[in-house]
């Protein structure tokens, strides 16, 4: 269903993962229409950031998980630019 919504709405999804998750993504995300690249281990983090339109969601996967939600057009643009720079250095 998720994949259908993405296609119908022409939503492009890009995901960056730590290179240690390469096999996991092959098994768990193989049917989704998303672009995936991998960053070196030095970028490993317990935080996950999602950028969607003018919103930023920061998930912190600690013992007690935490989510930070920020809605700000300019900040979302900055986070998106940062993501695109990481995307350039990541590998398929």
N, C-alpha and C. Protein backbone atom coordinates (compact mmCIF):
# COMPACT_ATOMS: atom_id res chain seq x y z
N UNK A 1 0.83 -1.20 0.00
CA UNK A 1 0.00 0.00 0.00
C UNK A 1 0.87 1.26 0.00
N UNK A 2 1.90 1.26 0.83
CA UNK A 2 2.83 2.39 0.92
C UNK A 2 3.43 2.70 -0.45
N UNK A 3 3.88 1.66 -1.12
CA UNK A 3 4.49 1.81 -2.44
C UNK A 3 3.50 2.41 -3.44
N UNK A 4 2.26 1.98 -3.38
CA UNK A 4 1.22 2.47 -4.27
C UNK A 4 0.99 3.97 -4.07
N UNK A 5 0.94 4.39 -2.81
CA UNK A 5 0.73 5.82 -2.49
C UNK A 5 1.89 6.65 -3.03
N UNK A 6 3.12 6.14 -2.87
CA UNK A 6 4.28 6.86 -3.38
C UNK A 6 4.21 7.04 -4.89
N UNK A 7 3.87 5.96 -5.59
CA UNK A 7 3.79 6.03 -7.05
C UNK A 7 2.67 6.94 -7.53
N UNK A 8 1.49 6.80 -6.93
CA UNK A 8 0.33 7.60 -7.35
C UNK A 8 0.57 9.09 -7.16
N UNK A 9 1.29 9.44 -6.10
CA UNK A 9 1.54 10.84 -5.78
C UNK A 9 2.90 11.33 -6.27
N UNK A 10 3.60 10.47 -6.99
CA UNK A 10 4.93 10.79 -7.53
C UNK A 10 5.87 11.34 -6.46
N UNK A 11 5.88 10.64 -5.33
CA UNK A 11 6.72 11.02 -4.21
C UNK A 11 8.03 10.24 -4.29
N UNK A 12 9.13 10.97 -4.33
CA UNK A 12 10.44 10.34 -4.38
C UNK A 12 10.92 10.12 -2.95
N UNK A 13 11.37 8.91 -2.67
CA UNK A 13 11.88 8.59 -1.34
C UNK A 13 13.32 8.14 -1.47
N UNK A 14 14.18 8.80 -0.71
CA UNK A 14 15.58 8.42 -0.63
C UNK A 14 15.89 8.11 0.82
N UNK A 15 16.66 7.05 1.04
CA UNK A 15 17.02 6.67 2.41
C UNK A 15 18.52 6.42 2.48
N UNK A 16 19.11 6.90 3.55
CA UNK A 16 20.51 6.63 3.85
C UNK A 16 20.58 5.71 5.06
N UNK A 17 21.42 4.71 4.96
CA UNK A 17 21.61 3.77 6.06
C UNK A 17 23.10 3.61 6.31
N UNK A 18 23.41 3.11 7.49
CA UNK A 18 24.77 2.71 7.79
C UNK A 18 25.07 1.49 6.94
N UNK A 19 26.31 1.36 6.47
CA UNK A 19 26.67 0.24 5.60
C UNK A 19 26.44 -1.12 6.26
N UNK A 20 26.40 -1.18 7.58
CA UNK A 20 26.14 -2.44 8.28
C UNK A 20 24.72 -2.97 8.02
N UNK A 21 23.84 -2.12 7.53
CA UNK A 21 22.45 -2.52 7.30
C UNK A 21 22.15 -2.89 5.84
N UNK A 22 23.20 -3.08 5.06
CA UNK A 22 23.01 -3.39 3.64
C UNK A 22 22.17 -4.66 3.44
N UNK A 23 22.50 -5.72 4.13
CA UNK A 23 21.75 -6.98 3.99
C UNK A 23 20.32 -6.83 4.51
N UNK A 24 20.16 -6.13 5.62
CA UNK A 24 18.83 -5.92 6.19
C UNK A 24 17.93 -5.19 5.19
N UNK A 25 18.46 -4.15 4.55
CA UNK A 25 17.64 -3.39 3.60
C UNK A 25 17.25 -4.24 2.40
N UNK A 26 18.16 -5.12 1.95
CA UNK A 26 17.85 -6.01 0.82
C UNK A 26 16.66 -6.90 1.15
N UNK A 27 16.61 -7.39 2.35
CA UNK A 27 15.54 -8.29 2.76
C UNK A 27 14.24 -7.56 3.10
N UNK A 28 14.35 -6.44 3.78
CA UNK A 28 13.16 -5.79 4.33
C UNK A 28 12.58 -4.66 3.49
N UNK A 29 13.34 -4.13 2.57
CA UNK A 29 12.85 -3.00 1.78
C UNK A 29 12.84 -3.29 0.29
N UNK A 30 13.01 -4.54 -0.09
CA UNK A 30 13.17 -4.88 -1.50
C UNK A 30 11.94 -4.59 -2.35
N UNK A 31 10.77 -4.55 -1.77
CA UNK A 31 9.56 -4.32 -2.56
C UNK A 31 9.13 -2.86 -2.60
N UNK A 32 9.82 -2.02 -1.88
CA UNK A 32 9.45 -0.61 -1.87
C UNK A 32 10.16 0.14 -2.98
N UNK A 33 9.50 1.09 -3.55
CA UNK A 33 10.06 1.89 -4.63
C UNK A 33 10.82 3.08 -4.03
N UNK A 34 11.99 2.79 -3.49
CA UNK A 34 12.79 3.83 -2.84
C UNK A 34 14.24 3.71 -3.30
N UNK A 35 14.94 4.82 -3.22
CA UNK A 35 16.38 4.82 -3.53
C UNK A 35 17.13 4.72 -2.21
N UNK A 36 18.10 3.82 -2.17
CA UNK A 36 18.84 3.58 -0.94
C UNK A 36 20.33 3.70 -1.21
N UNK A 37 21.02 4.38 -0.31
CA UNK A 37 22.48 4.44 -0.34
C UNK A 37 22.99 4.20 1.07
N UNK A 38 24.30 3.96 1.16
CA UNK A 38 24.89 3.60 2.45
C UNK A 38 26.07 4.51 2.78
N UNK A 39 26.11 4.88 4.05
CA UNK A 39 27.20 5.71 4.56
C UNK A 39 28.20 4.84 5.32
N UNK A 40 29.45 5.29 5.40
CA UNK A 40 30.45 4.55 6.17
C UNK A 40 30.07 4.47 7.64
N UNK A 41 30.65 3.50 8.31
CA UNK A 41 30.35 3.24 9.72
C UNK A 41 30.54 4.48 10.60
N UNK A 42 31.47 5.35 10.24
CA UNK A 42 31.73 6.54 11.06
C UNK A 42 30.50 7.44 11.19
N UNK A 43 29.50 7.25 10.33
CA UNK A 43 28.28 8.04 10.40
C UNK A 43 27.19 7.36 11.24
N UNK A 44 27.52 6.22 11.83
CA UNK A 44 26.55 5.46 12.62
C UNK A 44 25.98 6.33 13.74
N UNK A 45 24.68 6.20 13.98
CA UNK A 45 24.01 7.03 14.98
C UNK A 45 22.77 6.31 15.49
N UNK A 46 22.36 6.66 16.69
CA UNK A 46 21.09 6.13 17.21
C UNK A 46 19.94 7.05 16.83
N UNK A 47 20.25 8.09 16.07
CA UNK A 47 19.22 9.04 15.64
C UNK A 47 18.85 8.80 14.18
N UNK A 48 17.60 8.98 13.90
CA UNK A 48 17.06 8.86 12.54
C UNK A 48 16.33 10.16 12.25
N UNK A 49 16.56 10.71 11.07
CA UNK A 49 15.90 11.96 10.70
C UNK A 49 15.06 11.75 9.46
N UNK A 50 13.82 12.17 9.52
CA UNK A 50 12.92 12.13 8.37
C UNK A 50 12.54 13.57 8.03
N UNK A 51 12.62 13.88 6.75
CA UNK A 51 12.24 15.20 6.26
C UNK A 51 11.07 15.00 5.30
N UNK A 52 9.97 15.65 5.60
CA UNK A 52 8.78 15.50 4.78
C UNK A 52 8.12 16.87 4.61
N UNK A 53 8.21 17.39 3.40
CA UNK A 53 7.68 18.72 3.10
C UNK A 53 8.32 19.75 4.03
N UNK A 54 7.55 20.40 4.89
CA UNK A 54 8.13 21.43 5.78
C UNK A 54 8.33 20.90 7.20
N UNK A 55 8.34 19.59 7.36
CA UNK A 55 8.46 18.98 8.69
C UNK A 55 9.70 18.12 8.82
N UNK A 56 10.25 18.12 10.02
CA UNK A 56 11.41 17.30 10.35
C UNK A 56 11.04 16.47 11.57
N UNK A 57 11.30 15.18 11.47
CA UNK A 57 11.07 14.26 12.59
C UNK A 57 12.42 13.67 12.96
N UNK A 58 12.84 13.84 14.19
CA UNK A 58 14.10 13.26 14.65
C UNK A 58 13.75 12.19 15.68
N UNK A 59 14.07 10.95 15.32
CA UNK A 59 13.81 9.81 16.21
C UNK A 59 15.13 9.45 16.88
N UNK A 60 15.12 9.36 18.18
CA UNK A 60 16.30 8.96 18.94
C UNK A 60 16.00 7.61 19.57
N UNK A 61 16.69 6.59 19.07
CA UNK A 61 16.43 5.21 19.46
C UNK A 61 17.29 4.83 20.66
N UNK A 62 17.11 5.54 21.75
CA UNK A 62 17.81 5.24 23.00
C UNK A 62 16.96 4.28 23.83
N UNK A 63 17.42 3.99 25.03
CA UNK A 63 16.68 3.08 25.91
C UNK A 63 15.24 3.56 26.08
N UNK A 64 15.09 4.86 26.23
CA UNK A 64 13.76 5.48 26.25
C UNK A 64 13.67 6.30 24.95
N UNK A 65 13.00 5.76 23.92
CA UNK A 65 12.94 6.45 22.62
C UNK A 65 12.31 7.85 22.74
N UNK A 66 12.77 8.71 21.88
CA UNK A 66 12.31 10.09 21.88
C UNK A 66 12.10 10.54 20.44
N UNK A 67 11.05 11.32 20.22
CA UNK A 67 10.80 11.89 18.89
C UNK A 67 10.70 13.40 19.05
N UNK A 68 11.42 14.11 18.19
CA UNK A 68 11.36 15.56 18.15
C UNK A 68 10.73 15.94 16.81
N UNK A 69 9.68 16.74 16.86
CA UNK A 69 8.99 17.17 15.65
C UNK A 69 9.18 18.68 15.50
N UNK A 70 9.63 19.07 14.31
CA UNK A 70 9.83 20.49 14.02
C UNK A 70 9.14 20.80 12.71
N UNK A 71 8.30 21.82 12.71
CA UNK A 71 7.66 22.25 11.47
C UNK A 71 8.16 23.65 11.16
N UNK A 72 9.01 23.73 10.15
CA UNK A 72 9.61 25.00 9.78
C UNK A 72 10.13 24.88 8.35
N UNK A 73 9.63 25.69 7.46
CA UNK A 73 9.98 25.61 6.05
C UNK A 73 11.49 25.79 5.83
N UNK A 74 12.06 26.82 6.42
CA UNK A 74 13.48 27.11 6.22
C UNK A 74 14.37 26.02 6.82
N UNK A 75 14.03 25.55 7.99
CA UNK A 75 14.82 24.50 8.62
C UNK A 75 14.74 23.20 7.81
N UNK A 76 13.57 22.91 7.27
CA UNK A 76 13.42 21.72 6.42
C UNK A 76 14.31 21.83 5.18
N UNK A 77 14.41 23.03 4.60
CA UNK A 77 15.29 23.24 3.44
C UNK A 77 16.75 22.98 3.82
N UNK A 78 17.14 23.45 5.00
CA UNK A 78 18.52 23.25 5.46
C UNK A 78 18.81 21.78 5.68
N UNK A 79 17.90 21.09 6.34
CA UNK A 79 18.07 19.65 6.56
C UNK A 79 18.11 18.90 5.23
N UNK A 80 17.30 19.30 4.27
CA UNK A 80 17.28 18.65 2.96
C UNK A 80 18.61 18.86 2.24
N UNK A 81 19.17 20.06 2.33
CA UNK A 81 20.49 20.32 1.71
C UNK A 81 21.56 19.46 2.36
N UNK A 82 21.51 19.35 3.68
CA UNK A 82 22.46 18.50 4.41
C UNK A 82 22.33 17.05 3.95
N UNK A 83 21.10 16.57 3.83
CA UNK A 83 20.85 15.21 3.35
C UNK A 83 21.45 15.02 1.96
N UNK A 84 21.23 15.97 1.07
CA UNK A 84 21.74 15.86 -0.30
C UNK A 84 23.27 15.80 -0.33
N UNK A 85 23.92 16.49 0.57
CA UNK A 85 25.39 16.41 0.65
C UNK A 85 25.82 15.01 1.11
N UNK A 86 25.13 14.47 2.08
CA UNK A 86 25.42 13.10 2.52
C UNK A 86 25.14 12.11 1.40
N UNK A 87 24.07 12.35 0.65
CA UNK A 87 23.70 11.47 -0.46
C UNK A 87 24.84 11.40 -1.49
N UNK A 88 25.49 12.54 -1.73
CA UNK A 88 26.59 12.58 -2.70
C UNK A 88 27.77 11.70 -2.29
N UNK A 89 28.03 11.60 -0.99
CA UNK A 89 29.18 10.80 -0.56
C UNK A 89 28.82 9.34 -0.25
N UNK A 90 27.53 9.05 -0.15
CA UNK A 90 27.09 7.69 0.13
C UNK A 90 27.26 6.81 -1.10
N UNK A 91 27.30 5.51 -0.87
CA UNK A 91 27.48 4.54 -1.96
C UNK A 91 26.26 3.64 -2.08
N UNK A 92 26.01 3.19 -3.30
CA UNK A 92 24.87 2.28 -3.56
C UNK A 92 25.16 0.88 -3.07
